[in-house]
Amino acid sequence: MKSLLAALNTFARVILVAALACGSGCARPDWIQQTLVTVDVTGTWRTTEGGRFELDLEQEGSKVKGSMRLAGLPGVSNLSGPIDGTVSGDTFSFKGPSTTGEMTVNGDEMIGAVRGIGTAAAGTSSRIPFTLRRVNSSPPRSQ
């Protein structure tokens, strides 16, 4: 009888430890959703309408590095420089020289907007929508 009680006590402890381990994992936010990457943005992307906006990107996991060039928009000085970004699901978000952007990626097309572009003299910042198309899917050349 004593060995049966000892076995039940050990079994109860194992169940308790397993329940606590499962419960603590369930209390965390959905880490899978935060790290899910469903698109690859590596390559050269540019717009064909209005001013010229171009991104050269290289993606490794959810991290993206590259460069941007923006020219030819009325009232906007030309911008170029390095960018850092992330991909989460089908959304590409980035920060560049005096800019931030968020684009939704669908195959070889990105639709979204860039903020921080504006007339420097006026001190304004505007949200400019862009549609970009991938023109080259190979990684950008080293700079």
Protein backbone atom coordinates (compact mmCIF):
# COMPACT_ATOMS: atom_id res chain seq x y z
CA MET A 1 0.00 0.00 0.00
CA LYS A 2 2.86 2.39 0.87
CA SER A 3 4.54 1.84 -2.54
CA LEU A 4 1.24 2.49 -4.32
CA LEU A 5 0.87 5.83 -2.50
CA ALA A 6 4.47 6.76 -3.37
CA ALA A 7 3.87 5.92 -7.06
CA LEU A 8 0.66 8.00 -7.10
CA ASN A 9 2.47 10.90 -5.43
CA THR A 10 5.27 10.77 -8.06
CA PHE A 11 2.70 10.56 -10.87
CA ALA A 12 0.80 13.55 -9.45
CA ARG A 13 4.02 15.60 -9.35
CA VAL A 14 4.83 14.74 -12.96
CA ILE A 15 1.32 15.80 -14.05
CA LEU A 16 1.62 19.06 -12.08
CA VAL A 17 5.00 19.91 -13.65
CA ALA A 18 3.66 19.14 -17.15
CA ALA A 19 0.58 21.29 -16.57
CA LEU A 20 2.68 24.22 -15.35
CA ALA A 21 5.02 23.93 -18.32
CA CYS A 22 2.14 23.89 -20.80
CA GLY A 23 0.35 26.73 -19.03
CA SER A 24 3.34 29.03 -19.04
CA GLY A 25 3.86 28.45 -22.77
CA CYS A 26 0.26 29.29 -23.53
CA ALA A 27 0.45 32.58 -21.64
CA ARG A 28 3.00 34.04 -24.07
CA PRO A 29 1.94 36.00 -27.18
CA ASP A 30 1.77 34.04 -30.40
CA TRP A 31 5.49 33.93 -31.26
CA ILE A 32 4.81 32.04 -34.47
CA GLN A 33 2.77 34.94 -35.87
CA GLN A 34 5.53 37.40 -34.88
CA THR A 35 8.25 35.45 -36.69
CA LEU A 36 6.30 34.15 -39.69
CA VAL A 37 7.84 35.23 -42.98
CA THR A 38 5.69 34.46 -46.02
CA VAL A 39 7.42 36.58 -48.67
CA ASP A 40 10.93 37.17 -50.02
CA VAL A 41 11.75 40.77 -50.94
CA THR A 42 15.31 40.17 -52.20
CA GLY A 43 15.99 42.05 -55.43
CA THR A 44 15.48 45.42 -57.06
CA TRP A 45 12.06 47.09 -56.84
CA ARG A 46 10.98 50.29 -58.54
CA THR A 47 7.97 52.34 -59.43
CA THR A 48 7.12 53.18 -63.01
CA GLU A 49 4.75 56.08 -62.26
CA GLY A 50 5.53 59.60 -61.10
CA GLY A 51 8.86 60.08 -59.40
CA ARG A 52 11.43 57.35 -59.38
CA PHE A 53 11.53 55.30 -56.19
CA GLU A 54 13.81 52.28 -56.09
CA LEU A 55 14.77 49.75 -53.43
CA ASP A 56 17.68 47.28 -53.66
CA LEU A 57 17.06 44.66 -50.99
CA GLU A 58 18.66 41.55 -49.57
CA GLN A 59 16.66 39.45 -47.13
CA GLU A 60 17.96 36.95 -44.61
CA GLY A 61 15.12 35.41 -42.59
CA SER A 62 12.93 38.28 -41.43
CA LYS A 63 15.76 40.87 -41.58
CA VAL A 64 16.23 43.06 -44.66
CA LYS A 65 19.13 45.35 -45.56
CA GLY A 66 19.61 47.42 -48.67
CA SER A 67 19.42 50.86 -50.15
CA MET A 68 16.83 53.29 -51.46
CA ARG A 69 16.81 56.00 -54.09
CA LEU A 70 14.06 58.56 -54.57
CA ALA A 71 14.15 61.24 -57.26
CA GLY A 72 11.83 63.30 -59.39
CA LEU A 73 8.93 64.10 -57.05
CA PRO A 74 7.77 67.73 -57.10
CA GLY A 75 8.72 69.56 -53.91
CA VAL A 76 10.82 66.67 -52.63
CA SER A 77 14.58 66.65 -52.51
CA ASN A 78 16.28 63.56 -53.86
CA LEU A 79 16.95 60.96 -51.17
CA SER A 80 19.25 57.98 -51.18
CA GLY A 81 20.97 55.86 -48.60
CA PRO A 82 20.92 52.63 -46.65
CA ILE A 83 17.77 51.08 -45.23
CA ASP A 84 17.08 48.44 -42.59
CA GLY A 85 13.84 46.56 -42.47
CA THR A 86 11.88 43.51 -41.45
CA VAL A 87 9.35 41.19 -43.01
CA SER A 88 6.45 39.89 -40.94
CA GLY A 89 3.88 37.86 -42.81
CA ASP A 90 3.42 39.74 -46.09
CA THR A 91 4.38 43.17 -44.68
CA PHE A 92 7.75 44.77 -45.35
CA SER A 93 8.59 47.66 -42.98
CA PHE A 94 11.74 49.76 -43.27
CA LYS A 95 13.62 52.82 -42.05
CA GLY A 96 15.85 54.85 -44.32
CA PRO A 97 17.36 58.30 -44.50
CA SER A 98 14.70 60.52 -42.91
CA THR A 99 11.99 58.04 -43.95
CA THR A 100 9.94 55.08 -42.80
CA GLY A 101 7.85 52.84 -44.99
CA GLU A 102 5.41 49.98 -44.83
CA MET A 103 4.55 47.91 -47.88
CA THR A 104 2.31 44.90 -48.45
CA VAL A 105 4.04 42.37 -50.70
CA ASN A 106 2.15 40.21 -53.19
CA GLY A 107 4.48 38.24 -55.48
CA ASP A 108 6.48 40.74 -57.53
CA GLU A 109 4.48 43.78 -56.38
CA MET A 110 4.60 45.96 -53.25
CA ILE A 111 1.89 48.46 -52.37
CA GLY A 112 2.23 50.89 -49.50
CA ALA A 113 3.50 54.26 -48.44
CA VAL A 114 6.63 56.05 -47.34
CA ARG A 115 6.55 58.70 -44.59
CA GLY A 116 9.01 61.46 -43.86
CA ILE A 117 9.28 62.71 -47.41
CA GLY A 118 8.41 66.36 -47.70
CA THR A 119 9.62 69.81 -48.50
CA ALA A 120 12.51 70.37 -46.15
CA ALA A 121 12.10 74.15 -46.22
CA ALA A 122 8.48 73.89 -45.15
CA GLY A 123 9.32 71.33 -42.46
CA THR A 124 6.47 69.13 -43.58
CA SER A 125 6.31 65.38 -43.64
CA SER A 126 3.88 63.55 -45.83
CA ARG A 127 2.73 60.04 -46.56
CA ILE A 128 3.33 59.21 -50.21
CA PRO A 129 1.75 56.05 -51.64
CA PHE A 130 3.81 53.86 -53.98
CA THR A 131 3.36 50.72 -56.02
CA LEU A 132 6.66 49.00 -56.67
CA ARG A 133 7.40 46.13 -59.03
CA ARG A 134 10.32 43.74 -58.74
CA VAL A 135 12.57 44.19 -61.78
CA ASN A 136 15.36 41.88 -60.66
CA SER A 137 15.22 39.08 -58.11
CA SER A 138 18.95 38.63 -57.64
CA PRO A 139 20.57 40.14 -54.55
CA PRO A 140 21.90 43.69 -54.89
CA ARG A 141 25.60 44.08 -55.57
CA SER A 142 27.85 44.82 -52.57
CA GLN A 143 28.53 48.46 -51.92
